[in-house]
């Protein structure tokens, strides 16, 4: 889970999210990754 979170953070950091011309697919990808990561972390926290 930590490794997956670090990869997601690296991916998001590599994207200029302040760019007003950011492609919609990139926004969808970022949103999807963040949602998946939050789901995974919540599940892990519940198991813990």
ModelCIF file with pLDDT and N, C-alpha, C, O atoms, coordinates in Angstrom:
data_MODEL
#
_entry.id   MODEL 
#
_entity.id                         1 
_entity.type                       polymer 
_entity.pdbx_number_of_molecules   1 
#
_entity_poly.entity_id                      1 
_entity_poly.type                           'polypeptide(L)' 
_entity_poly.nstd_linkage                   no 
_entity_poly.nstd_monomer                   no 
_entity_poly.pdbx_seq_one_letter_code       
;(UNK)(UNK)(UNK)(UNK)(UNK)(UNK)(UNK)(UNK)(UNK)(UNK)(UNK)(UNK)(UNK)(UNK)(UNK)(UNK)
(UNK)(UNK)(UNK)(UNK)(UNK)(UNK)(UNK)(UNK)(UNK)(UNK)(UNK)(UNK)(UNK)(UNK)(UNK)(UNK)
(UNK)(UNK)(UNK)(UNK)(UNK)(UNK)(UNK)(UNK)(UNK)(UNK)(UNK)(UNK)(UNK)(UNK)(UNK)(UNK)
;
_entity_poly.pdbx_seq_one_letter_code_can   XXXXXXXXXXXXXXXXXXXXXXXXXXXXXXXXXXXXXXXXXXXXXXXX 
_entity_poly.pdbx_strand_id                 A 
#
loop_
_entity_poly_seq.entity_id 
_entity_poly_seq.num 
_entity_poly_seq.mon_id 
_entity_poly_seq.hetero 
1 1  UNK n 
1 2  UNK n 
1 3  UNK n 
1 4  UNK n 
1 5  UNK n 
1 6  UNK n 
1 7  UNK n 
1 8  UNK n 
1 9  UNK n 
1 10 UNK n 
1 11 UNK n 
1 12 UNK n 
1 13 UNK n 
1 14 UNK n 
1 15 UNK n 
1 16 UNK n 
1 17 UNK n 
1 18 UNK n 
1 19 UNK n 
1 20 UNK n 
1 21 UNK n 
1 22 UNK n 
1 23 UNK n 
1 24 UNK n 
1 25 UNK n 
1 26 UNK n 
1 27 UNK n 
1 28 UNK n 
1 29 UNK n 
1 30 UNK n 
1 31 UNK n 
1 32 UNK n 
1 33 UNK n 
1 34 UNK n 
1 35 UNK n 
1 36 UNK n 
1 37 UNK n 
1 38 UNK n 
1 39 UNK n 
1 40 UNK n 
1 41 UNK n 
1 42 UNK n 
1 43 UNK n 
1 44 UNK n 
1 45 UNK n 
1 46 UNK n 
1 47 UNK n 
1 48 UNK n 
#
_struct_asym.id          A 
_struct_asym.entity_id   1 
#
loop_
_ma_qa_metric.id 
_ma_qa_metric.mode 
_ma_qa_metric.name 
_ma_qa_metric.software_group_id 
_ma_qa_metric.type 
1 global pLDDT . pLDDT 
2 local  pLDDT . pLDDT 
#
_ma_qa_metric_global.metric_id      1 
_ma_qa_metric_global.metric_value   86.50 
_ma_qa_metric_global.model_id       1 
_ma_qa_metric_global.ordinal_id     1 
#
loop_
_ma_qa_metric_local.label_asym_id 
_ma_qa_metric_local.label_comp_id 
_ma_qa_metric_local.label_seq_id 
_ma_qa_metric_local.metric_id 
_ma_qa_metric_local.metric_value 
_ma_qa_metric_local.model_id 
_ma_qa_metric_local.ordinal_id 
A UNK 1  2 80.00 1 1  
A UNK 2  2 83.00 1 2  
A UNK 3  2 87.00 1 3  
A UNK 4  2 83.00 1 4  
A UNK 5  2 83.00 1 5  
A UNK 6  2 88.00 1 6  
A UNK 7  2 87.00 1 7  
A UNK 8  2 83.00 1 8  
A UNK 9  2 84.00 1 9  
A UNK 10 2 87.00 1 10 
A UNK 11 2 84.00 1 11 
A UNK 12 2 82.00 1 12 
A UNK 13 2 84.00 1 13 
A UNK 14 2 84.00 1 14 
A UNK 15 2 84.00 1 15 
A UNK 16 2 83.00 1 16 
A UNK 17 2 80.00 1 17 
A UNK 18 2 83.00 1 18 
A UNK 19 2 84.00 1 19 
A UNK 20 2 85.00 1 20 
A UNK 21 2 88.00 1 21 
A UNK 22 2 85.00 1 22 
A UNK 23 2 89.00 1 23 
A UNK 24 2 89.00 1 24 
A UNK 25 2 89.00 1 25 
A UNK 26 2 86.00 1 26 
A UNK 27 2 87.00 1 27 
A UNK 28 2 89.00 1 28 
A UNK 29 2 86.00 1 29 
A UNK 30 2 87.00 1 30 
A UNK 31 2 88.00 1 31 
A UNK 32 2 90.00 1 32 
A UNK 33 2 86.00 1 33 
A UNK 34 2 87.00 1 34 
A UNK 35 2 90.00 1 35 
A UNK 36 2 88.00 1 36 
A UNK 37 2 87.00 1 37 
A UNK 38 2 88.00 1 38 
A UNK 39 2 91.00 1 39 
A UNK 40 2 88.00 1 40 
A UNK 41 2 87.00 1 41 
A UNK 42 2 89.00 1 42 
A UNK 43 2 90.00 1 43 
A UNK 44 2 88.00 1 44 
A UNK 45 2 89.00 1 45 
A UNK 46 2 92.00 1 46 
A UNK 47 2 91.00 1 47 
A UNK 48 2 90.00 1 48 
#
loop_
_atom_site.group_PDB 
_atom_site.id 
_atom_site.type_symbol 
_atom_site.label_atom_id 
_atom_site.label_alt_id 
_atom_site.label_comp_id 
_atom_site.label_asym_id 
_atom_site.label_entity_id 
_atom_site.label_seq_id 
_atom_site.pdbx_PDB_ins_code 
_atom_site.Cartn_x 
_atom_site.Cartn_y 
_atom_site.Cartn_z 
_atom_site.occupancy 
_atom_site.B_iso_or_equiv 
_atom_site.pdbx_formal_charge 
_atom_site.auth_seq_id 
_atom_site.auth_comp_id 
_atom_site.auth_asym_id 
_atom_site.auth_atom_id 
_atom_site.pdbx_PDB_model_num 
ATOM 1   N N  . UNK A 1 1  ? 0.832   -1.206 0.000   1.00 80.00 ? 1  UNK A N  1 
ATOM 2   C CA . UNK A 1 1  ? 0.000   0.000  0.000   1.00 80.00 ? 1  UNK A CA 1 
ATOM 3   C C  . UNK A 1 1  ? 0.866   1.255  0.000   1.00 80.00 ? 1  UNK A C  1 
ATOM 4   O O  . UNK A 1 1  ? 0.568   2.218  -0.707  1.00 80.00 ? 1  UNK A O  1 
ATOM 5   N N  . UNK A 1 2  ? 1.929   1.245  0.786   1.00 83.00 ? 2  UNK A N  1 
ATOM 6   C CA . UNK A 1 2  ? 2.833   2.389  0.837   1.00 83.00 ? 2  UNK A CA 1 
ATOM 7   C C  . UNK A 1 2  ? 3.481   2.615  -0.515  1.00 83.00 ? 2  UNK A C  1 
ATOM 8   O O  . UNK A 1 2  ? 3.581   3.750  -0.980  1.00 83.00 ? 2  UNK A O  1 
ATOM 9   N N  . UNK A 1 3  ? 3.918   1.544  -1.142  1.00 87.00 ? 3  UNK A N  1 
ATOM 10  C CA . UNK A 1 3  ? 4.531   1.641  -2.465  1.00 87.00 ? 3  UNK A CA 1 
ATOM 11  C C  . UNK A 1 3  ? 3.550   2.193  -3.493  1.00 87.00 ? 3  UNK A C  1 
ATOM 12  O O  . UNK A 1 3  ? 3.913   3.048  -4.302  1.00 87.00 ? 3  UNK A O  1 
ATOM 13  N N  . UNK A 1 4  ? 2.322   1.715  -3.468  1.00 83.00 ? 4  UNK A N  1 
ATOM 14  C CA . UNK A 1 4  ? 1.298   2.206  -4.403  1.00 83.00 ? 4  UNK A CA 1 
ATOM 15  C C  . UNK A 1 4  ? 1.016   3.682  -4.162  1.00 83.00 ? 4  UNK A C  1 
ATOM 16  O O  . UNK A 1 4  ? 0.854   4.449  -5.111  1.00 83.00 ? 4  UNK A O  1 
ATOM 17  N N  . UNK A 1 5  ? 0.959   4.076  -2.908  1.00 83.00 ? 5  UNK A N  1 
ATOM 18  C CA . UNK A 1 5  ? 0.710   5.484  -2.584  1.00 83.00 ? 5  UNK A CA 1 
ATOM 19  C C  . UNK A 1 5  ? 1.852   6.359  -3.078  1.00 83.00 ? 5  UNK A C  1 
ATOM 20  O O  . UNK A 1 5  ? 1.621   7.436  -3.629  1.00 83.00 ? 5  UNK A O  1 
ATOM 21  N N  . UNK A 1 6  ? 3.074   5.903  -2.884  1.00 88.00 ? 6  UNK A N  1 
ATOM 22  C CA . UNK A 1 6  ? 4.243   6.680  -3.340  1.00 88.00 ? 6  UNK A CA 1 
ATOM 23  C C  . UNK A 1 6  ? 4.243   6.818  -4.864  1.00 88.00 ? 6  UNK A C  1 
ATOM 24  O O  . UNK A 1 6  ? 4.577   7.880  -5.389  1.00 88.00 ? 6  UNK A O  1 
ATOM 25  N N  . UNK A 1 7  ? 3.874   5.759  -5.569  1.00 87.00 ? 7  UNK A N  1 
ATOM 26  C CA . UNK A 1 7  ? 3.797   5.831  -7.039  1.00 87.00 ? 7  UNK A CA 1 
ATOM 27  C C  . UNK A 1 7  ? 2.742   6.839  -7.475  1.00 87.00 ? 7  UNK A C  1 
ATOM 28  O O  . UNK A 1 7  ? 2.970   7.628  -8.392  1.00 87.00 ? 7  UNK A O  1 
ATOM 29  N N  . UNK A 1 8  ? 1.588   6.809  -6.815  1.00 83.00 ? 8  UNK A N  1 
ATOM 30  C CA . UNK A 1 8  ? 0.516   7.748  -7.165  1.00 83.00 ? 8  UNK A CA 1 
ATOM 31  C C  . UNK A 1 8  ? 0.948   9.185  -6.892  1.00 83.00 ? 8  UNK A C  1 
ATOM 32  O O  . UNK A 1 8  ? 0.676   10.080 -7.692  1.00 83.00 ? 8  UNK A O  1 
ATOM 33  N N  . UNK A 1 9  ? 1.613   9.403  -5.778  1.00 84.00 ? 9  UNK A N  1 
ATOM 34  C CA . UNK A 1 9  ? 2.102   10.749 -5.452  1.00 84.00 ? 9  UNK A CA 1 
ATOM 35  C C  . UNK A 1 9  ? 3.096   11.218 -6.499  1.00 84.00 ? 9  UNK A C  1 
ATOM 36  O O  . UNK A 1 9  ? 3.051   12.372 -6.924  1.00 84.00 ? 9  UNK A O  1 
ATOM 37  N N  . UNK A 1 10 ? 3.992   10.336 -6.919  1.00 87.00 ? 10 UNK A N  1 
ATOM 38  C CA . UNK A 1 10 ? 4.977   10.680 -7.940  1.00 87.00 ? 10 UNK A CA 1 
ATOM 39  C C  . UNK A 1 10 ? 4.292   11.029 -9.256  1.00 87.00 ? 10 UNK A C  1 
ATOM 40  O O  . UNK A 1 10 ? 4.678   11.990 -9.923  1.00 87.00 ? 10 UNK A O  1 
ATOM 41  N N  . UNK A 1 11 ? 3.283   10.256 -9.630  1.00 84.00 ? 11 UNK A N  1 
ATOM 42  C CA . UNK A 1 11 ? 2.545   10.523 -10.871 1.00 84.00 ? 11 UNK A CA 1 
ATOM 43  C C  . UNK A 1 11 ? 1.866   11.889 -10.827 1.00 84.00 ? 11 UNK A C  1 
ATOM 44  O O  . UNK A 1 11 ? 1.932   12.654 -11.789 1.00 84.00 ? 11 UNK A O  1 
ATOM 45  N N  . UNK A 1 12 ? 1.212   12.189 -9.705  1.00 82.00 ? 12 UNK A N  1 
ATOM 46  C CA . UNK A 1 12 ? 0.504   13.465 -9.580  1.00 82.00 ? 12 UNK A CA 1 
ATOM 47  C C  . UNK A 1 12 ? 1.500   14.623 -9.544  1.00 82.00 ? 12 UNK A C  1 
ATOM 48  O O  . UNK A 1 12 ? 1.263   15.668 -10.150 1.00 82.00 ? 12 UNK A O  1 
ATOM 49  N N  . UNK A 1 13 ? 2.603   14.439 -8.843  1.00 84.00 ? 13 UNK A N  1 
ATOM 50  C CA . UNK A 1 13 ? 3.624   15.493 -8.782  1.00 84.00 ? 13 UNK A CA 1 
ATOM 51  C C  . UNK A 1 13 ? 4.227   15.791 -10.150 1.00 84.00 ? 13 UNK A C  1 
ATOM 52  O O  . UNK A 1 13 ? 4.682   16.908 -10.397 1.00 84.00 ? 13 UNK A O  1 
ATOM 53  N N  . UNK A 1 14 ? 4.233   14.812 -11.029 1.00 84.00 ? 14 UNK A N  1 
ATOM 54  C CA . UNK A 1 14 ? 4.822   14.998 -12.366 1.00 84.00 ? 14 UNK A CA 1 
ATOM 55  C C  . UNK A 1 14 ? 3.900   15.770 -13.305 1.00 84.00 ? 14 UNK A C  1 
ATOM 56  O O  . UNK A 1 14 ? 4.309   16.164 -14.397 1.00 84.00 ? 14 UNK A O  1 
ATOM 57  N N  . UNK A 1 15 ? 2.656   15.986 -12.880 1.00 84.00 ? 15 UNK A N  1 
ATOM 58  C CA . UNK A 1 15 ? 1.677   16.664 -13.732 1.00 84.00 ? 15 UNK A CA 1 
ATOM 59  C C  . UNK A 1 15 ? 1.471   18.082 -13.209 1.00 84.00 ? 15 UNK A C  1 
ATOM 60  O O  . UNK A 1 15 ? 1.340   18.293 -12.003 1.00 84.00 ? 15 UNK A O  1 
ATOM 61  N N  . UNK A 1 16 ? 1.444   19.040 -14.111 1.00 83.00 ? 16 UNK A N  1 
ATOM 62  C CA . UNK A 1 16 ? 1.174   20.422 -13.733 1.00 83.00 ? 16 UNK A CA 1 
ATOM 63  C C  . UNK A 1 16 ? -0.332  20.585 -13.589 1.00 83.00 ? 16 UNK A C  1 
ATOM 64  O O  . UNK A 1 16 ? -1.027  20.904 -14.554 1.00 83.00 ? 16 UNK A O  1 
ATOM 65  N N  . UNK A 1 17 ? -0.828  20.366 -12.385 1.00 80.00 ? 17 UNK A N  1 
ATOM 66  C CA . UNK A 1 17 ? -2.277  20.398 -12.171 1.00 80.00 ? 17 UNK A CA 1 
ATOM 67  C C  . UNK A 1 17 ? -2.836  21.815 -12.201 1.00 80.00 ? 17 UNK A C  1 
ATOM 68  O O  . UNK A 1 17 ? -4.053  21.997 -12.203 1.00 80.00 ? 17 UNK A O  1 
ATOM 69  N N  . UNK A 1 18 ? -1.965  22.820 -12.225 1.00 83.00 ? 18 UNK A N  1 
ATOM 70  C CA . UNK A 1 18 ? -2.436  24.211 -12.321 1.00 83.00 ? 18 UNK A CA 1 
ATOM 71  C C  . UNK A 1 18 ? -2.633  24.640 -13.773 1.00 83.00 ? 18 UNK A C  1 
ATOM 72  O O  . UNK A 1 18 ? -3.131  25.736 -14.031 1.00 83.00 ? 18 UNK A O  1 
ATOM 73  N N  . UNK A 1 19 ? -2.254  23.800 -14.708 1.00 84.00 ? 19 UNK A N  1 
ATOM 74  C CA . UNK A 1 19 ? -2.384  24.111 -16.136 1.00 84.00 ? 19 UNK A CA 1 
ATOM 75  C C  . UNK A 1 19 ? -3.867  24.143 -16.520 1.00 84.00 ? 19 UNK A C  1 
ATOM 76  O O  . UNK A 1 19 ? -4.546  23.121 -16.433 1.00 84.00 ? 19 UNK A O  1 
ATOM 77  N N  . UNK A 1 20 ? -4.376  25.309 -16.946 1.00 85.00 ? 20 UNK A N  1 
ATOM 78  C CA . UNK A 1 20 ? -5.792  25.389 -17.303 1.00 85.00 ? 20 UNK A CA 1 
ATOM 79  C C  . UNK A 1 20 ? -6.133  24.561 -18.539 1.00 85.00 ? 20 UNK A C  1 
ATOM 80  O O  . UNK A 1 20 ? -7.302  24.253 -18.771 1.00 85.00 ? 20 UNK A O  1 
ATOM 81  N N  . UNK A 1 21 ? -5.131  24.201 -19.332 1.00 88.00 ? 21 UNK A N  1 
ATOM 82  C CA . UNK A 1 21 ? -5.360  23.400 -20.533 1.00 88.00 ? 21 UNK A CA 1 
ATOM 83  C C  . UNK A 1 21 ? -5.073  21.918 -20.302 1.00 88.00 ? 21 UNK A C  1 
ATOM 84  O O  . UNK A 1 21 ? -4.859  21.163 -21.250 1.00 88.00 ? 21 UNK A O  1 
ATOM 85  N N  . UNK A 1 22 ? -5.070  21.516 -19.046 1.00 85.00 ? 22 UNK A N  1 
ATOM 86  C CA . UNK A 1 22 ? -4.807  20.115 -18.713 1.00 85.00 ? 22 UNK A CA 1 
ATOM 87  C C  . UNK A 1 22 ? -5.854  19.242 -19.393 1.00 85.00 ? 22 UNK A C  1 
ATOM 88  O O  . UNK A 1 22 ? -7.053  19.466 -19.226 1.00 85.00 ? 22 UNK A O  1 
ATOM 89  N N  . UNK A 1 23 ? -5.411  18.256 -20.154 1.00 89.00 ? 23 UNK A N  1 
ATOM 90  C CA . UNK A 1 23 ? -6.373  17.400 -20.871 1.00 89.00 ? 23 UNK A CA 1 
ATOM 91  C C  . UNK A 1 23 ? -7.330  16.700 -19.896 1.00 89.00 ? 23 UNK A C  1 
ATOM 92  O O  . UNK A 1 23 ? -6.952  16.301 -18.794 1.00 89.00 ? 23 UNK A O  1 
ATOM 93  N N  . UNK A 1 24 ? -8.562  16.571 -20.342 1.00 89.00 ? 24 UNK A N  1 
ATOM 94  C CA . UNK A 1 24 ? -9.594  15.921 -19.517 1.00 89.00 ? 24 UNK A CA 1 
ATOM 95  C C  . UNK A 1 24 ? -9.185  14.506 -19.136 1.00 89.00 ? 24 UNK A C  1 
ATOM 96  O O  . UNK A 1 24 ? -9.445  14.071 -18.014 1.00 89.00 ? 24 UNK A O  1 
ATOM 97  N N  . UNK A 1 25 ? -8.557  13.790 -20.039 1.00 89.00 ? 25 UNK A N  1 
ATOM 98  C CA . UNK A 1 25 ? -8.149  12.414 -19.717 1.00 89.00 ? 25 UNK A CA 1 
ATOM 99  C C  . UNK A 1 25 ? -7.139  12.387 -18.572 1.00 89.00 ? 25 UNK A C  1 
ATOM 100 O O  . UNK A 1 25 ? -7.141  11.468 -17.753 1.00 89.00 ? 25 UNK A O  1 
ATOM 101 N N  . UNK A 1 26 ? -6.288  13.393 -18.524 1.00 86.00 ? 26 UNK A N  1 
ATOM 102 C CA . UNK A 1 26 ? -5.317  13.469 -17.431 1.00 86.00 ? 26 UNK A CA 1 
ATOM 103 C C  . UNK A 1 26 ? -6.035  13.735 -16.112 1.00 86.00 ? 26 UNK A C  1 
ATOM 104 O O  . UNK A 1 26 ? -5.700  13.129 -15.094 1.00 86.00 ? 26 UNK A O  1 
ATOM 105 N N  . UNK A 1 27 ? -7.004  14.622 -16.119 1.00 87.00 ? 27 UNK A N  1 
ATOM 106 C CA . UNK A 1 27 ? -7.789  14.918 -14.912 1.00 87.00 ? 27 UNK A CA 1 
ATOM 107 C C  . UNK A 1 27 ? -8.530  13.667 -14.451 1.00 87.00 ? 27 UNK A C  1 
ATOM 108 O O  . UNK A 1 27 ? -8.559  13.360 -13.259 1.00 87.00 ? 27 UNK A O  1 
ATOM 109 N N  . UNK A 1 28 ? -9.122  12.953 -15.390 1.00 89.00 ? 28 UNK A N  1 
ATOM 110 C CA . UNK A 1 28 ? -9.847  11.725 -15.051 1.00 89.00 ? 28 UNK A CA 1 
ATOM 111 C C  . UNK A 1 28 ? -8.876  10.693 -14.484 1.00 89.00 ? 28 UNK A C  1 
ATOM 112 O O  . UNK A 1 28 ? -9.199  10.008 -13.513 1.00 89.00 ? 28 UNK A O  1 
ATOM 113 N N  . UNK A 1 29 ? -7.706  10.576 -15.074 1.00 86.00 ? 29 UNK A N  1 
ATOM 114 C CA . UNK A 1 29 ? -6.704  9.622  -14.590 1.00 86.00 ? 29 UNK A CA 1 
ATOM 115 C C  . UNK A 1 29 ? -6.276  9.961  -13.167 1.00 86.00 ? 29 UNK A C  1 
ATOM 116 O O  . UNK A 1 29 ? -6.204  9.081  -12.310 1.00 86.00 ? 29 UNK A O  1 
ATOM 117 N N  . UNK A 1 30 ? -5.993  11.230 -12.917 1.00 87.00 ? 30 UNK A N  1 
ATOM 118 C CA . UNK A 1 30 ? -5.581  11.645 -11.576 1.00 87.00 ? 30 UNK A CA 1 
ATOM 119 C C  . UNK A 1 30 ? -6.705  11.372 -10.572 1.00 87.00 ? 30 UNK A C  1 
ATOM 120 O O  . UNK A 1 30 ? -6.462  10.814 -9.503  1.00 87.00 ? 30 UNK A O  1 
ATOM 121 N N  . UNK A 1 31 ? -7.916  11.761 -10.912 1.00 88.00 ? 31 UNK A N  1 
ATOM 122 C CA . UNK A 1 31 ? -9.058  11.568 -10.015 1.00 88.00 ? 31 UNK A CA 1 
ATOM 123 C C  . UNK A 1 31 ? -9.278  10.090 -9.724  1.00 88.00 ? 31 UNK A C  1 
ATOM 124 O O  . UNK A 1 31 ? -9.528  9.704  -8.582  1.00 88.00 ? 31 UNK A O  1 
ATOM 125 N N  . UNK A 1 32 ? -9.184  9.278  -10.747 1.00 90.00 ? 32 UNK A N  1 
ATOM 126 C CA . UNK A 1 32 ? -9.366  7.836  -10.587 1.00 90.00 ? 32 UNK A CA 1 
ATOM 127 C C  . UNK A 1 32 ? -8.280  7.252  -9.687  1.00 90.00 ? 32 UNK A C  1 
ATOM 128 O O  . UNK A 1 32 ? -8.572  6.452  -8.799  1.00 90.00 ? 32 UNK A O  1 
ATOM 129 N N  . UNK A 1 33 ? -7.026  7.652  -9.917  1.00 86.00 ? 33 UNK A N  1 
ATOM 130 C CA . UNK A 1 33 ? -5.918  7.141  -9.101  1.00 86.00 ? 33 UNK A CA 1 
ATOM 131 C C  . UNK A 1 33 ? -6.091  7.536  -7.637  1.00 86.00 ? 33 UNK A C  1 
ATOM 132 O O  . UNK A 1 33 ? -5.869  6.725  -6.738  1.00 86.00 ? 33 UNK A O  1 
ATOM 133 N N  . UNK A 1 34 ? -6.490  8.785  -7.405  1.00 87.00 ? 34 UNK A N  1 
ATOM 134 C CA . UNK A 1 34 ? -6.665  9.253  -6.031  1.00 87.00 ? 34 UNK A CA 1 
ATOM 135 C C  . UNK A 1 34 ? -7.804  8.488  -5.360  1.00 87.00 ? 34 UNK A C  1 
ATOM 136 O O  . UNK A 1 34 ? -7.683  8.097  -4.199  1.00 87.00 ? 34 UNK A O  1 
ATOM 137 N N  . UNK A 1 35 ? -8.904  8.272  -6.074  1.00 90.00 ? 35 UNK A N  1 
ATOM 138 C CA . UNK A 1 35 ? -10.032 7.523  -5.518  1.00 90.00 ? 35 UNK A CA 1 
ATOM 139 C C  . UNK A 1 35 ? -9.623  6.092  -5.186  1.00 90.00 ? 35 UNK A C  1 
ATOM 140 O O  . UNK A 1 35 ? -9.939  5.585  -4.110  1.00 90.00 ? 35 UNK A O  1 
ATOM 141 N N  . UNK A 1 36 ? -8.916  5.440  -6.117  1.00 88.00 ? 36 UNK A N  1 
ATOM 142 C CA . UNK A 1 36 ? -8.458  4.063  -5.872  1.00 88.00 ? 36 UNK A CA 1 
ATOM 143 C C  . UNK A 1 36 ? -7.527  4.011  -4.667  1.00 88.00 ? 36 UNK A C  1 
ATOM 144 O O  . UNK A 1 36 ? -7.612  3.103  -3.841  1.00 88.00 ? 36 UNK A O  1 
ATOM 145 N N  . UNK A 1 37 ? -6.652  4.979  -4.580  1.00 87.00 ? 37 UNK A N  1 
ATOM 146 C CA . UNK A 1 37 ? -5.707  5.020  -3.469  1.00 87.00 ? 37 UNK A CA 1 
ATOM 147 C C  . UNK A 1 37 ? -6.438  5.217  -2.142  1.00 87.00 ? 37 UNK A C  1 
ATOM 148 O O  . UNK A 1 37 ? -6.128  4.549  -1.155  1.00 87.00 ? 37 UNK A O  1 
ATOM 149 N N  . UNK A 1 38 ? -7.396  6.124  -2.117  1.00 88.00 ? 38 UNK A N  1 
ATOM 150 C CA . UNK A 1 38 ? -8.164  6.344  -0.892  1.00 88.00 ? 38 UNK A CA 1 
ATOM 151 C C  . UNK A 1 38 ? -8.971  5.106  -0.508  1.00 88.00 ? 38 UNK A C  1 
ATOM 152 O O  . UNK A 1 38 ? -9.046  4.755  0.669   1.00 88.00 ? 38 UNK A O  1 
ATOM 153 N N  . UNK A 1 39 ? -9.568  4.452  -1.483  1.00 91.00 ? 39 UNK A N  1 
ATOM 154 C CA . UNK A 1 39 ? -10.289 3.200  -1.207  1.00 91.00 ? 39 UNK A CA 1 
ATOM 155 C C  . UNK A 1 39 ? -9.356  2.153  -0.607  1.00 91.00 ? 39 UNK A C  1 
ATOM 156 O O  . UNK A 1 39 ? -9.699  1.491  0.373   1.00 91.00 ? 39 UNK A O  1 
ATOM 157 N N  . UNK A 1 40 ? -8.184  2.011  -1.199  1.00 88.00 ? 40 UNK A N  1 
ATOM 158 C CA . UNK A 1 40 ? -7.214  1.025  -0.739  1.00 88.00 ? 40 UNK A CA 1 
ATOM 159 C C  . UNK A 1 40 ? -6.751  1.339  0.682   1.00 88.00 ? 40 UNK A C  1 
ATOM 160 O O  . UNK A 1 40 ? -6.652  0.442  1.520   1.00 88.00 ? 40 UNK A O  1 
ATOM 161 N N  . UNK A 1 41 ? -6.469  2.607  0.950   1.00 87.00 ? 41 UNK A N  1 
ATOM 162 C CA . UNK A 1 41 ? -6.000  2.988  2.279   1.00 87.00 ? 41 UNK A CA 1 
ATOM 163 C C  . UNK A 1 41 ? -7.101  2.830  3.324   1.00 87.00 ? 41 UNK A C  1 
ATOM 164 O O  . UNK A 1 41 ? -6.827  2.428  4.455   1.00 87.00 ? 41 UNK A O  1 
ATOM 165 N N  . UNK A 1 42 ? -8.341  3.142  2.956   1.00 89.00 ? 42 UNK A N  1 
ATOM 166 C CA . UNK A 1 42 ? -9.452  2.960  3.891   1.00 89.00 ? 42 UNK A CA 1 
ATOM 167 C C  . UNK A 1 42 ? -9.651  1.482  4.219   1.00 89.00 ? 42 UNK A C  1 
ATOM 168 O O  . UNK A 1 42 ? -9.865  1.122  5.376   1.00 89.00 ? 42 UNK A O  1 
ATOM 169 N N  . UNK A 1 43 ? -9.580  0.639  3.213   1.00 90.00 ? 43 UNK A N  1 
ATOM 170 C CA . UNK A 1 43 ? -9.712  -0.811 3.427   1.00 90.00 ? 43 UNK A CA 1 
ATOM 171 C C  . UNK A 1 43 ? -8.591  -1.319 4.321   1.00 90.00 ? 43 UNK A C  1 
ATOM 172 O O  . UNK A 1 43 ? -8.821  -2.119 5.228   1.00 90.00 ? 43 UNK A O  1 
ATOM 173 N N  . UNK A 1 44 ? -7.386  -0.853 4.061   1.00 88.00 ? 44 UNK A N  1 
ATOM 174 C CA . UNK A 1 44 ? -6.242  -1.277 4.871   1.00 88.00 ? 44 UNK A CA 1 
ATOM 175 C C  . UNK A 1 44 ? -6.406  -0.806 6.324   1.00 88.00 ? 44 UNK A C  1 
ATOM 176 O O  . UNK A 1 44 ? -6.118  -1.554 7.258   1.00 88.00 ? 44 UNK A O  1 
ATOM 177 N N  . UNK A 1 45 ? -6.863  0.421  6.502   1.00 89.00 ? 45 UNK A N  1 
ATOM 178 C CA . UNK A 1 45 ? -7.076  0.941  7.856   1.00 89.00 ? 45 UNK A CA 1 
ATOM 179 C C  . UNK A 1 45 ? -8.137  0.122  8.587   1.00 89.00 ? 45 UNK A C  1 
ATOM 180 O O  . UNK A 1 45 ? -7.993  -0.158 9.777   1.00 89.00 ? 45 UNK A O  1 
ATOM 181 N N  . UNK A 1 46 ? -9.195  -0.261 7.885   1.00 92.00 ? 46 UNK A N  1 
ATOM 182 C CA . UNK A 1 46 ? -10.236 -1.092 8.501   1.00 92.00 ? 46 UNK A CA 1 
ATOM 183 C C  . UNK A 1 46 ? -9.672  -2.440 8.911   1.00 92.00 ? 46 UNK A C  1 
ATOM 184 O O  . UNK A 1 46 ? -9.981  -2.935 9.995   1.00 92.00 ? 46 UNK A O  1 
ATOM 185 N N  . UNK A 1 47 ? -8.854  -3.038 8.065   1.00 91.00 ? 47 UNK A N  1 
ATOM 186 C CA . UNK A 1 47 ? -8.230  -4.328 8.409   1.00 91.00 ? 47 UNK A CA 1 
ATOM 187 C C  . UNK A 1 47 ? -7.295  -4.189 9.603   1.00 91.00 ? 47 UNK A C  1 
ATOM 188 O O  . UNK A 1 47 ? -7.243  -5.062 10.470  1.00 91.00 ? 47 UNK A O  1 
ATOM 189 N N  . UNK A 1 48 ? -6.561  -3.086 9.639   1.00 90.00 ? 48 UNK A N  1 
ATOM 190 C CA . UNK A 1 48 ? -5.663  -2.852 10.772  1.00 90.00 ? 48 UNK A CA 1 
ATOM 191 C C  . UNK A 1 48 ? -6.471  -2.723 12.064  1.00 90.00 ? 48 UNK A C  1 
ATOM 192 O O  . UNK A 1 48 ? -5.896  -2.523 13.134  1.00 90.00 ? 48 UNK A O  1 
#
